[in-house]
Each structure stands twice: as C-alpha cells, then as structure tokens.
Amino acid sequence: MLDHSNTNDTVYDIRDPLYWDRRSLYSELDRVYDVCIGCRLCFNLCPSFPSLFDSIDNAGNRKREIAEGQGRVEKEKERDTYLDLPDGEHASEASIEVEFRGEVSDLTESERWEVIDLCYQCKLCDPVCPYTPGKEHHFQLDFPKLMTRAQAIRTKERGVKINDRFLSKTDLTGKIGSVLGPIINFINEIGLARWLLEKTMGIHRKRILPKFERKNFEKWFKDHKSLIDDPIEKVVIFGTCFTNSHDVDLGKAAVEILEHNDIECVYPKQQCCGAPFLSPGDFDGFEKQARPNIDELYKWVEDGYKIIVTGPPTCSLTLKKEYPDYLGLNEKIQRVSESTFDISEYLVYLNKQDKLNKDFKGSIGTVNYHVSCHLKAQKMGFKGRDILRLVPDTKVNLINRCSGMDGGWGMKSEFFDSSMKVAERCVNDINQKEYDIACSDCSLASHQLSQASEGNVQPSHPIIELHKAYGINKDQGITNEKT
C-alpha cells in the first residue's frame, strides 16, 4: 500500500543529488500516479492523464482475462441493474472485482514513460489538482515538475535528442531567417525538403512551420523613432524569439500602443528566454540561455524599468516562474521575476492606475477569446479578455480549451497527431459560438488552431485588435511582410 503522505522523494531542487536518483524518481512517480488514479479530475486536460488511466484500466482487464482463462471467475456480464441481486451478493461481487483493479505496480516501463512523454507542460493540472503545495496540501503534488524531473534524468543518461537540440536553437534559426527568410519559407513548402527535415530533425512533415519575416522586430525597433517627451512610465520590451522572427506585427502593435499611452520603450540586448531547453530537462542549456537575459534585464529593472513580454505567454511564465524555480532565487532573479508583465497584464495594470488612454476609435465586435494555458498557469486572471472588454461595443466569449501546441512538442513527428487531436477539440469549441473574430494571447496557439481548422479559424492577438480599435497608424496599417 503506497503512502501518499510520504514526500521523501518529492525533490524539485536540481542541486539536490536525490533529484537525479532514478530510484527516487520511480518512487515519486508511483506515489503521484497512484494519487492521480484515485482522483481522475484531470482526465480531459491533456493526453498524459488518459494514457495513465487507460493503462491502469487495461491492466485490470488483463487480470480479469487471466482469471477467466483459469476458470476462477465467469465472464463479466453486462448489467442494467443490481437491484435484483440477493442480499449480500452486492458486497460479494464487489470484493471479487477488487482483485481485477489495475495498480501502479502493473504499469510496464513503456506505459510509465508514455505518460511522461505525452506531458507537454501546459500546466493546466496545477490549478485543477487539489493536492498541490499552492493549496497547502500535505501530498505536495507538482505533476509538471515531476515530468520535467523525469525528462531531465533521462536526458542526463542518454543526452539531448536531435529534435530537442534543433528546436532549442531559436536564436540561431532566427538570425538565419532574417537573412534567408524568403528562401527558407519557400523550401519549407516543398514535400521532399519536409521529408528530409522529418528524417533528420524529427519535425513532422505535415506541420506547417511559422514563416520568417523579411525585417525582424529587433531591426524594426532600431529604425523606430519614438516621440515620447515626458513618459509616465518606462519599460523594457522583451520581444521573444517568436515575435522577433515570426510575429513582428505583434511587437510593433505593442510598442505603438505603449507609446500611445506615453510609455517609454527600450529594446535591450536579449535572446530566447530558454523555455525550449526545459522540455527535455536540459538545465545546463537553460542556464546558459537565461543568465545573459537576467544580467541585462536586471540592470534596467534597477533603473526603474518594468519588463514587458510581447510574445507567447510561455516566455513571461519562464521569466516569472521558471527562472526562480530552476536557477535559484537570488536578488537579480527575484527582481526580474517581480518586474515582468505580459503585455495585456501590463495594460490592465495601467487601467487600474487610471493611466490607460481609452480614446478608442472603433469597436471589435464579438470575440471568441482562446485562453492560453501558460497565462492560466501564471494565475493572474484573463487579462487579454479584460483589455478587450474596455473597447466599447465589444463582447468577449471565453474558450477555455488547450490548443495542444506547446511549441516544440506539437512539431515533433512522434507527437504531431496527438497535438492535432487536442487542437481539433479547441477548434470545435471556438465554432460553437458565433463570433466576429477569434483571439489568443499565444501566437503559437493561433498558428496551431489555423492549421487544425484548415485556415477557417485564424486567431488574432488581443493587442493587434486593440491597436485597430485605437486607430493607430490607420492610414498605413500593420501588415505582415512574410513571403
């Protein structure tokens, strides 16, 4: 009988030697899996939990099949009612069936690791789970961190897989894309090239890849002339690698909205936040990627600047939470963490301070707003929805369903099909309610939903829609320069 209260192996400090002990990991996996099997609140959140529950249920079915083959029990009969059983036989039948219940000890090695591999770190289980440290429960469950620990131990033993290495090189591919973007975009649509990419790098041939833009966000910002003479606040723009290379319009809109509100914007030296290194548990790579960002951003924070993340919420989550969790909570990291805002979060903050300019020139209409998982994980409410609601004659419907992308996970050949199945459910939810436009704070989720719907659902970012409502640069407009 597993002791669910025994947290001796609940170790998430990567500097603790026990963190890297495989026997300790397996002990904790058994404990957490057993708690989850008895709870099952997360049955519909991601592929990991159905995989675990199905494996356990199938193990129970195998036990019964063996018992039937041995003649110890009769074949199970379908019953419409149990009210016709003689007194005492309800308990008798129930006691027999207990023998055929699947247990954690019945899991095969491949079943155990399938649960781990299917976790794409959406972190939706954390707010749902009643047994987490955040709810001060003595079980101290942290399923996402446990999955990262398992990946880290395996990666330390076998090395980083080639597709994880490729997907973590976002800064390098961004630099290449800024020079050869049109050529790369063209090659990525050639079947033979995609077949080769799948065979060499493990990126599924059917995955539509984000297009590179001719002029990245960093170059645009260098050419951008700000006219702010007397700023009410000053911020550092952390553009993210995705915005920089693939979603420049979002960066432009964010800066122009901030300046429209008399906010001084600067764009210091920066690189990918390091999130792609966490997927395989490559903490060495994560630290090398993160440290330069911390050192640079800290200097600006000390000078009174806030950090505004304009790209996918994964990046703001990484700066706020993953840096302290995996790099240690020193003064620099704590200040960077506390000073980081998602762009919509910051605009809502301005509104609460009565500093937000609300001279909107138009409405948006009815918006089906997809809730990003990594914004939910930040436990700050639905700020994208809240900022859209400030625009007159705008109605916002919440679409509370994961897109199943998770950056690199949804691109990998082994998980592409699972990723698209999750996305299809999200597309279905979006289409259940009539809308003028769909929105998501996550550019990668928007990319995923567009592919899953074959282009029928193409979510915009709330900041893009807010930019339109302000009527900023209405004559020239913001248009992508993709080819």
Protein backbone atom coordinates (compact mmCIF):
# COMPACT_ATOMS: atom_id res chain seq x y z
CA MET A 1 0.00 0.00 0.00
CA LEU A 2 1.56 3.30 -1.07
CA ASP A 3 1.80 6.08 1.50
CA HIS A 4 0.54 9.15 -0.32
CA SER A 5 1.77 11.38 2.51
CA ASN A 6 5.38 10.24 2.21
CA THR A 7 7.13 13.11 0.42
CA ASN A 8 10.71 11.95 0.99
CA ASP A 9 11.20 11.70 -2.78
CA THR A 10 9.31 14.90 -3.64
CA VAL A 11 12.50 16.66 -4.69
CA TYR A 12 12.48 19.53 -7.20
CA ASP A 13 15.72 21.31 -6.34
CA ILE A 14 18.05 20.38 -9.21
CA ARG A 15 21.04 21.00 -6.91
CA ASP A 16 19.92 18.18 -4.60
CA PRO A 17 21.66 14.86 -5.55
CA LEU A 18 18.41 13.00 -4.79
CA TYR A 19 16.75 14.88 -7.66
CA TRP A 20 18.89 12.88 -10.09
CA ASP A 21 18.38 9.48 -8.43
CA ARG A 22 16.30 7.22 -10.69
CA ARG A 23 15.06 5.05 -7.83
CA SER A 24 13.85 8.16 -6.03
CA LEU A 25 12.16 9.31 -9.25
CA TYR A 26 10.35 5.99 -9.68
CA SER A 27 9.19 6.06 -6.07
CA GLU A 28 7.73 9.51 -6.58
CA LEU A 29 6.18 8.56 -9.93
CA ASP A 30 4.43 5.63 -8.24
CA ARG A 31 3.12 7.82 -5.43
CA VAL A 32 1.86 10.59 -7.71
CA TYR A 33 0.43 8.22 -10.31
CA ASP A 34 -1.44 6.38 -7.55
CA VAL A 35 -2.95 9.62 -6.25
CA CYS A 36 -3.97 10.60 -9.78
CA ILE A 37 -5.55 7.19 -10.45
CA GLY A 38 -7.77 7.60 -7.42
CA CYS A 39 -8.73 11.19 -8.29
CA ARG A 40 -9.01 11.49 -12.10
CA LEU A 41 -10.03 15.16 -12.08
CA CYS A 42 -7.54 15.76 -14.90
CA PHE A 43 -8.98 13.12 -17.24
CA ASN A 44 -9.73 15.63 -20.01
CA LEU A 45 -6.83 18.07 -19.76
CA CYS A 46 -4.07 16.55 -21.89
CA PRO A 47 -3.02 13.19 -23.37
CA SER A 48 -0.91 12.24 -20.31
CA PHE A 49 -3.75 11.53 -17.95
CA PRO A 50 -5.92 9.46 -20.33
CA SER A 51 -2.78 7.45 -21.11
CA LEU A 52 -2.22 6.76 -17.40
CA PHE A 53 -5.85 5.92 -16.68
CA ASP A 54 -6.22 3.71 -19.77
CA SER A 55 -3.05 1.80 -18.92
CA ILE A 56 -4.28 1.15 -15.39
CA ASP A 57 -7.76 0.13 -16.55
CA ASN A 58 -6.30 -2.14 -19.23
CA ALA A 59 -4.09 -3.78 -16.60
CA GLY A 60 -7.22 -4.57 -14.61
CA ASN A 61 -8.88 -6.02 -17.71
CA ARG A 62 -5.84 -8.23 -18.31
CA LYS A 63 -6.08 -9.57 -14.77
CA ARG A 64 -9.72 -10.48 -15.28
CA GLU A 65 -9.00 -12.15 -18.62
CA ILE A 66 -6.35 -14.32 -16.93
CA ALA A 67 -8.75 -15.23 -14.13
CA GLU A 68 -11.45 -16.09 -16.68
CA GLY A 69 -8.98 -18.26 -18.58
CA GLN A 70 -8.11 -20.08 -15.37
CA GLY A 71 -11.79 -20.63 -14.66
CA ARG A 72 -11.68 -18.70 -11.37
CA VAL A 73 -14.45 -16.33 -12.46
CA GLU A 74 -17.14 -16.28 -15.08
CA LYS A 75 -17.03 -13.87 -17.98
CA GLU A 76 -18.18 -10.42 -16.94
CA LYS A 77 -21.84 -9.81 -17.68
CA GLU A 78 -23.37 -6.51 -18.68
CA ARG A 79 -25.95 -5.49 -16.07
CA ASP A 80 -28.66 -2.89 -16.33
CA THR A 81 -29.37 -3.07 -12.60
CA TYR A 82 -28.00 -4.63 -9.45
CA LEU A 83 -31.26 -4.32 -7.54
CA ASP A 84 -32.25 -7.93 -8.36
CA LEU A 85 -29.23 -9.46 -6.57
CA PRO A 86 -29.98 -11.48 -3.41
CA ASP A 87 -28.93 -9.93 -0.08
CA GLY A 88 -25.18 -9.98 0.43
CA GLU A 89 -24.19 -10.59 -3.20
CA HIS A 90 -23.57 -6.90 -3.88
CA ALA A 91 -20.65 -6.96 -1.45
CA SER A 92 -19.56 -10.38 -2.68
CA GLU A 93 -19.35 -9.26 -6.30
CA ALA A 94 -17.60 -6.03 -5.31
CA SER A 95 -14.96 -7.88 -3.29
CA ILE A 96 -14.21 -10.15 -6.25
CA GLU A 97 -13.88 -7.21 -8.65
CA VAL A 98 -11.30 -5.51 -6.40
CA GLU A 99 -8.87 -8.25 -7.43
CA PHE A 100 -9.11 -7.04 -11.02
CA ARG A 101 -8.33 -3.42 -10.36
CA GLY A 102 -5.22 -2.08 -12.08
CA GLU A 103 -2.42 -0.86 -9.83
CA VAL A 104 0.62 1.36 -10.38
CA SER A 105 2.79 -1.73 -9.99
CA ASP A 106 1.08 -3.19 -13.09
CA LEU A 107 2.41 -0.43 -15.37
CA THR A 108 5.01 -1.51 -17.87
CA GLU A 109 8.12 0.60 -18.39
CA SER A 110 6.81 1.89 -21.72
CA GLU A 111 3.44 2.79 -20.18
CA ARG A 112 5.14 4.66 -17.36
CA TRP A 113 7.22 6.72 -19.79
CA GLU A 114 4.40 7.30 -22.24
CA VAL A 115 2.69 9.39 -19.56
CA ILE A 116 5.88 11.45 -19.24
CA ASP A 117 6.38 11.91 -22.98
CA LEU A 118 2.77 12.96 -23.53
CA CYS A 119 3.07 15.76 -20.97
CA TYR A 120 3.67 18.95 -22.94
CA GLN A 121 3.84 21.21 -19.87
CA CYS A 122 0.57 23.05 -20.37
CA LYS A 123 0.43 23.12 -16.53
CA LEU A 124 -3.37 23.04 -16.56
CA CYS A 125 -3.34 20.25 -13.98
CA ASP A 126 -1.83 22.56 -11.36
CA PRO A 127 -4.88 24.82 -10.80
CA VAL A 128 -7.23 21.80 -11.02
CA CYS A 129 -5.33 19.47 -8.67
CA PRO A 130 -6.47 19.66 -5.02
CA TYR A 131 -3.19 18.20 -3.71
CA THR A 132 -0.63 20.87 -4.70
CA PRO A 133 1.73 22.90 -2.49
CA GLY A 134 -0.14 26.02 -3.58
CA LYS A 135 -3.25 24.65 -1.89
CA GLU A 136 -1.13 23.72 1.14
CA HIS A 137 -1.96 20.03 0.84
CA HIS A 138 0.41 17.61 2.54
CA PHE A 139 0.63 15.41 -0.60
CA GLN A 140 2.69 18.22 -2.22
CA LEU A 141 1.89 17.12 -5.79
CA ASP A 142 3.54 19.01 -8.64
CA PHE A 143 2.89 16.94 -11.74
CA PRO A 144 4.58 19.28 -14.27
CA LYS A 145 7.77 19.47 -12.21
CA LEU A 146 7.78 15.71 -11.79
CA MET A 147 7.53 15.25 -15.55
CA THR A 148 10.42 17.68 -16.07
CA ARG A 149 12.46 15.79 -13.48
CA ALA A 150 11.88 12.52 -15.34
CA GLN A 151 12.90 14.11 -18.65
CA ALA A 152 15.99 15.62 -17.03
CA ILE A 153 17.18 12.29 -15.61
CA ARG A 154 16.67 10.52 -18.92
CA THR A 155 18.37 13.34 -20.83
CA LYS A 156 21.35 13.21 -18.46
CA GLU A 157 21.68 9.48 -19.15
CA ARG A 158 21.22 9.45 -22.92
CA GLY A 159 21.87 13.05 -23.99
CA VAL A 160 19.60 15.61 -25.65
CA LYS A 161 17.67 14.25 -28.63
CA ILE A 162 18.38 15.83 -32.00
CA ASN A 163 14.87 17.29 -32.41
CA ASP A 164 15.14 18.96 -28.98
CA ARG A 165 18.55 20.38 -29.95
CA PHE A 166 17.13 21.71 -33.20
CA LEU A 167 14.05 23.24 -31.57
CA SER A 168 16.13 24.99 -28.90
CA LYS A 169 18.23 26.87 -31.48
CA THR A 170 15.62 29.59 -31.94
CA ASP A 171 18.14 32.44 -31.85
CA LEU A 172 20.30 30.79 -34.50
CA THR A 173 17.39 29.97 -36.80
CA GLY A 174 16.08 33.50 -36.27
CA LYS A 175 19.37 35.02 -37.41
CA ILE A 176 19.45 32.76 -40.46
CA GLY A 177 15.80 33.54 -41.15
CA SER A 178 16.43 37.29 -41.04
CA VAL A 179 18.83 36.83 -43.98
CA LEU A 180 17.38 33.88 -45.87
CA GLY A 181 13.74 34.10 -44.77
CA PRO A 182 12.08 34.07 -48.22
CA ILE A 183 14.21 31.11 -49.32
CA ILE A 184 13.53 29.16 -46.12
CA ASN A 185 9.80 29.86 -46.35
CA PHE A 186 9.78 28.54 -49.91
CA ILE A 187 11.80 25.41 -49.06
CA ASN A 188 9.53 24.63 -46.09
CA GLU A 189 6.64 24.13 -48.52
CA ILE A 190 8.46 21.56 -50.66
CA GLY A 191 7.44 18.00 -49.85
CA LEU A 192 10.89 16.47 -50.34
CA ALA A 193 12.51 19.09 -48.12
CA ARG A 194 9.96 18.42 -45.38
CA TRP A 195 10.51 14.67 -45.68
CA LEU A 196 14.25 15.25 -45.18
CA LEU A 197 13.60 17.56 -42.23
CA GLU A 198 11.44 14.88 -40.62
CA LYS A 199 14.04 12.16 -41.13
CA THR A 200 16.97 14.26 -39.92
CA MET A 201 15.46 16.57 -37.29
CA GLY A 202 12.25 14.81 -36.29
CA ILE A 203 9.93 17.68 -37.29
CA HIS A 204 6.71 16.26 -38.73
CA ARG A 205 6.38 16.77 -42.47
CA LYS A 206 2.75 17.89 -42.15
CA ARG A 207 3.45 20.56 -39.57
CA ILE A 208 3.02 23.97 -41.17
CA LEU A 209 6.02 25.94 -39.97
CA PRO A 210 5.84 29.62 -38.96
CA LYS A 211 7.11 31.88 -41.72
CA PHE A 212 10.10 34.15 -41.25
CA GLU A 213 9.57 37.85 -41.83
CA ARG A 214 11.84 39.93 -44.04
CA LYS A 215 12.50 42.51 -41.34
CA ASN A 216 12.56 41.18 -37.81
CA PHE A 217 11.27 43.03 -34.76
CA GLU A 218 14.73 43.95 -33.50
CA LYS A 219 15.58 45.68 -36.79
CA TRP A 220 12.20 47.41 -36.84
CA PHE A 221 12.74 48.76 -33.33
CA LYS A 222 16.19 50.12 -34.20
CA ASP A 223 14.62 52.07 -37.08
CA HIS A 224 11.62 53.13 -35.00
CA LYS A 225 11.55 56.75 -33.85
CA SER A 226 9.78 57.39 -30.57
CA LEU A 227 8.24 60.80 -29.93
CA ILE A 228 7.69 60.40 -26.17
CA ASP A 229 8.98 63.54 -24.40
CA ASP A 230 7.50 63.13 -20.93
CA PRO A 231 6.82 59.42 -20.24
CA ILE A 232 4.54 58.41 -17.40
CA GLU A 233 6.39 55.08 -17.09
CA LYS A 234 9.29 53.31 -18.77
CA VAL A 235 9.51 49.70 -19.87
CA VAL A 236 11.88 47.19 -21.38
CA ILE A 237 10.42 45.24 -24.30
CA PHE A 238 11.26 41.54 -24.14
CA GLY A 239 10.21 40.68 -27.66
CA THR A 240 10.69 36.88 -27.51
CA CYS A 241 12.30 34.89 -30.29
CA PHE A 242 8.92 34.09 -31.86
CA THR A 243 7.81 37.72 -32.08
CA ASN A 244 11.23 38.75 -33.31
CA SER A 245 11.27 36.32 -36.25
CA HIS A 246 7.68 35.35 -36.99
CA ASP A 247 5.18 37.79 -35.47
CA VAL A 248 6.69 41.23 -35.94
CA ASP A 249 3.27 42.88 -36.20
CA LEU A 250 2.55 41.95 -32.59
CA GLY A 251 5.75 43.60 -31.43
CA LYS A 252 5.00 46.71 -33.48
CA ALA A 253 1.45 46.95 -32.15
CA ALA A 254 2.61 46.51 -28.55
CA VAL A 255 5.21 49.28 -28.83
CA GLU A 256 2.85 51.67 -30.61
CA ILE A 257 0.09 51.09 -28.05
CA LEU A 258 2.52 51.67 -25.18
CA GLU A 259 3.81 54.86 -26.77
CA HIS A 260 0.24 55.96 -27.46
CA ASN A 261 -0.12 55.75 -23.68
CA ASP A 262 3.06 57.82 -23.08
CA ILE A 263 5.19 54.84 -22.04
CA GLU A 264 8.90 54.96 -22.88
CA CYS A 265 10.02 51.72 -24.58
CA VAL A 266 13.55 50.38 -24.90
CA TYR A 267 14.72 47.16 -26.55
CA PRO A 268 17.98 45.99 -24.92
CA LYS A 269 20.17 43.07 -25.91
CA GLN A 270 18.26 39.81 -25.38
CA GLN A 271 17.88 36.24 -26.55
CA CYS A 272 15.41 33.36 -26.29
CA CYS A 273 14.15 33.01 -22.71
CA GLY A 274 15.37 29.39 -22.65
CA ALA A 275 11.99 27.64 -22.42
CA PRO A 276 12.80 25.15 -25.23
CA PHE A 277 15.65 23.77 -23.11
CA LEU A 278 13.26 22.89 -20.27
CA SER A 279 11.20 20.46 -22.36
CA PRO A 280 13.94 17.79 -22.33
CA GLY A 281 15.20 18.90 -18.91
CA ASP A 282 18.43 20.35 -20.30
CA PHE A 283 19.19 22.58 -17.33
CA ASP A 284 22.74 23.36 -18.42
CA GLY A 285 21.46 24.71 -21.73
CA PHE A 286 18.65 26.53 -19.92
CA GLU A 287 21.04 28.31 -17.57
CA LYS A 288 23.44 29.32 -20.36
CA GLN A 289 20.48 30.78 -22.24
CA ALA A 290 18.90 32.52 -19.25
CA ARG A 291 21.88 34.11 -17.47
CA PRO A 292 22.62 36.80 -20.09
CA ASN A 293 18.94 37.81 -20.06
CA ILE A 294 18.92 38.04 -16.27
CA ASP A 295 22.08 40.15 -16.15
CA GLU A 296 20.84 42.53 -18.83
CA LEU A 297 17.25 42.87 -17.61
CA TYR A 298 18.32 43.37 -14.01
CA LYS A 299 20.28 46.49 -14.96
CA TRP A 300 17.14 48.05 -16.45
CA VAL A 301 14.94 46.98 -13.54
CA GLU A 302 17.39 48.65 -11.16
CA ASP A 303 16.93 51.81 -13.20
CA GLY A 304 13.17 51.74 -12.70
CA TYR A 305 12.02 49.90 -15.83
CA LYS A 306 9.36 47.19 -15.95
CA ILE A 307 9.78 44.20 -18.29
CA ILE A 308 7.01 43.76 -20.85
CA VAL A 309 6.83 40.44 -22.71
CA THR A 310 5.14 40.81 -26.08
CA GLY A 311 5.25 37.22 -27.33
CA PRO A 312 3.87 33.84 -26.29
CA PRO A 313 2.91 33.60 -22.58
CA THR A 314 5.42 30.77 -22.20
CA CYS A 315 8.11 33.45 -22.19
CA SER A 316 6.57 35.59 -19.45
CA LEU A 317 5.96 32.40 -17.45
CA THR A 318 9.62 31.47 -17.86
CA LEU A 319 10.89 34.83 -16.63
CA LYS A 320 8.42 34.94 -13.76
CA LYS A 321 8.47 31.36 -12.54
CA GLU A 322 10.96 29.05 -14.26
CA TYR A 323 13.97 31.31 -13.63
CA PRO A 324 13.38 31.29 -9.84
CA ASP A 325 12.44 27.60 -9.77
CA TYR A 326 15.43 26.25 -11.68
CA LEU A 327 18.15 28.89 -11.30
CA GLY A 328 17.70 29.80 -7.64
CA LEU A 329 16.03 32.82 -6.10
CA ASN A 330 18.83 35.38 -5.75
CA GLU A 331 18.23 39.13 -5.78
CA LYS A 332 18.69 39.51 -9.54
CA ILE A 333 16.29 36.72 -10.45
CA GLN A 334 13.72 37.83 -7.91
CA ARG A 335 13.73 41.42 -9.19
CA VAL A 336 13.44 40.28 -12.80
CA SER A 337 10.62 37.90 -11.88
CA GLU A 338 8.67 40.50 -9.92
CA SER A 339 9.11 43.15 -12.63
CA THR A 340 7.88 41.03 -15.55
CA PHE A 341 4.45 41.57 -17.13
CA ASP A 342 2.67 40.03 -20.07
CA ILE A 343 1.69 42.90 -22.39
CA SER A 344 -2.06 42.54 -21.71
CA GLU A 345 -1.38 42.20 -18.00
CA TYR A 346 0.56 45.47 -18.06
CA LEU A 347 -2.18 47.35 -19.91
CA VAL A 348 -4.74 46.19 -17.35
CA TYR A 349 -2.34 47.38 -14.65
CA LEU A 350 -2.22 50.80 -16.33
CA ASN A 351 -6.00 50.91 -16.45
CA LYS A 352 -6.24 50.18 -12.73
CA GLN A 353 -3.85 53.08 -12.15
CA ASP A 354 -6.12 55.31 -14.31
CA LYS A 355 -3.20 55.75 -16.71
CA LEU A 356 -4.62 53.95 -19.75
CA ASN A 357 -5.74 56.04 -22.70
CA LYS A 358 -9.23 54.84 -23.71
CA ASP A 359 -9.84 57.05 -26.73
CA PHE A 360 -10.87 54.13 -28.91
CA LYS A 361 -11.93 54.95 -32.45
CA GLY A 362 -13.81 51.73 -33.16
CA SER A 363 -15.23 48.55 -31.68
CA ILE A 364 -14.09 44.97 -32.16
CA GLY A 365 -17.41 43.12 -32.11
CA THR A 366 -17.90 39.64 -30.69
CA VAL A 367 -14.63 37.93 -29.81
CA ASN A 368 -14.15 34.24 -29.10
CA TYR A 369 -11.13 34.51 -26.83
CA HIS A 370 -8.94 31.42 -26.52
CA VAL A 371 -7.43 31.22 -23.03
CA SER A 372 -3.72 30.44 -23.21
CA CYS A 373 -2.59 27.67 -20.86
CA HIS A 374 0.57 29.48 -19.82
CA LEU A 375 -1.39 32.58 -18.89
CA LYS A 376 -3.64 30.45 -16.72
CA ALA A 377 -0.51 28.97 -15.14
CA GLN A 378 0.50 32.49 -14.09
CA LYS A 379 -2.71 32.73 -12.06
CA MET A 380 -3.35 36.36 -12.94
CA GLY A 381 -6.83 36.09 -14.46
CA PHE A 382 -7.80 36.66 -18.09
CA LYS A 383 -6.03 39.93 -18.88
CA GLY A 384 -6.39 39.64 -22.65
CA ARG A 385 -10.14 39.36 -22.19
CA ASP A 386 -10.17 42.24 -19.71
CA ILE A 387 -8.33 44.60 -22.04
CA LEU A 388 -10.63 43.74 -24.96
CA ARG A 389 -13.67 44.47 -22.81
CA LEU A 390 -12.51 48.05 -22.39
CA VAL A 391 -13.29 48.70 -26.05
CA PRO A 392 -16.91 49.92 -26.49
CA ASP A 393 -19.45 47.54 -28.08
CA THR A 394 -17.14 44.56 -27.68
CA LYS A 395 -18.34 41.23 -26.32
CA VAL A 396 -15.87 38.52 -25.29
CA ASN A 397 -16.64 34.79 -25.02
CA LEU A 398 -14.10 32.61 -23.19
CA ILE A 399 -12.86 29.49 -24.98
CA ASN A 400 -11.27 27.56 -22.16
CA ARG A 401 -9.56 24.73 -24.05
CA CYS A 402 -5.89 23.94 -24.69
CA SER A 403 -4.67 24.15 -28.29
CA GLY A 404 -2.22 21.27 -27.80
CA MET A 405 0.73 23.03 -29.42
CA ASP A 406 3.25 23.71 -26.66
CA GLY A 407 5.83 24.99 -29.09
CA GLY A 408 8.20 22.20 -29.99
CA TRP A 409 6.09 19.29 -28.69
CA GLY A 410 3.45 19.79 -31.37
CA MET A 411 6.11 19.97 -34.07
CA LYS A 412 7.77 16.65 -33.29
CA SER A 413 6.98 13.75 -35.58
CA GLU A 414 6.07 11.42 -32.71
CA PHE A 415 3.52 13.81 -31.17
CA PHE A 416 2.07 15.70 -34.13
CA ASP A 417 -1.06 13.53 -34.43
CA SER A 418 -1.79 13.76 -30.69
CA SER A 419 -1.26 17.50 -30.87
CA MET A 420 -3.76 17.92 -33.68
CA LYS A 421 -6.41 15.86 -31.88
CA VAL A 422 -6.24 18.27 -28.94
CA ALA A 423 -6.40 21.24 -31.33
CA GLU A 424 -9.47 19.89 -33.11
CA ARG A 425 -11.41 19.92 -29.84
CA CYS A 426 -10.39 23.54 -29.30
CA VAL A 427 -11.47 24.49 -32.83
CA ASN A 428 -14.81 22.81 -32.20
CA ASP A 429 -15.30 24.85 -29.02
CA ILE A 430 -14.47 28.09 -30.85
CA ASN A 431 -17.03 27.31 -33.55
CA GLN A 432 -19.78 26.60 -31.02
CA LYS A 433 -20.35 30.34 -30.54
CA GLU A 434 -20.86 32.92 -33.26
CA TYR A 435 -18.11 35.50 -33.42
CA ASP A 436 -16.64 38.30 -35.50
CA ILE A 437 -13.06 37.42 -34.64
CA ALA A 438 -11.15 34.81 -32.66
CA CYS A 439 -8.29 35.90 -30.40
CA SER A 440 -5.49 34.24 -28.46
CA ASP A 441 -2.61 35.67 -26.43
CA CYS A 442 -0.42 32.83 -27.71
CA SER A 443 0.85 33.24 -31.27
CA LEU A 444 1.84 29.58 -31.44
CA ALA A 445 -1.65 28.52 -30.33
CA SER A 446 -3.08 30.72 -33.10
CA HIS A 447 -0.76 29.04 -35.59
CA GLN A 448 -1.89 25.63 -34.35
CA LEU A 449 -5.61 26.44 -34.50
CA SER A 450 -5.25 27.82 -38.00
CA GLN A 451 -3.73 24.56 -39.20
CA ALA A 452 -6.19 22.36 -37.31
CA SER A 453 -9.13 24.25 -38.86
CA GLU A 454 -7.54 24.31 -42.33
CA GLY A 455 -7.48 28.09 -42.17
CA ASN A 456 -11.10 28.56 -41.15
CA VAL A 457 -10.12 29.80 -37.69
CA GLN A 458 -7.28 32.31 -37.71
CA PRO A 459 -7.00 33.89 -34.27
CA SER A 460 -5.61 37.39 -33.93
CA HIS A 461 -3.79 38.65 -30.85
CA PRO A 462 -5.77 40.90 -28.46
CA ILE A 463 -3.04 43.54 -28.82
CA ILE A 464 -3.46 43.58 -32.60
CA GLU A 465 -7.21 44.14 -32.15
CA LEU A 466 -6.62 46.81 -29.53
CA HIS A 467 -4.24 48.55 -31.94
CA LYS A 468 -7.00 48.61 -34.55
CA ALA A 469 -9.51 49.92 -32.01
CA TYR A 470 -7.17 52.79 -31.15
CA GLY A 471 -6.87 53.63 -34.84
CA ILE A 472 -3.09 54.00 -34.54
CA ASN A 473 -1.36 54.42 -37.92
CA LYS A 474 -4.71 53.75 -39.55
CA ASP A 475 -3.61 55.00 -42.94
CA GLN A 476 -0.59 52.72 -43.29
CA GLY A 477 -1.78 49.90 -41.02
CA ILE A 478 0.18 46.99 -39.74
CA THR A 479 0.79 44.29 -42.31
CA ASN A 480 2.99 41.24 -42.18
CA GLU A 481 5.95 41.15 -44.52
CA LYS A 482 6.07 37.39 -44.85
CA THR A 483 6.83 35.67 -48.11
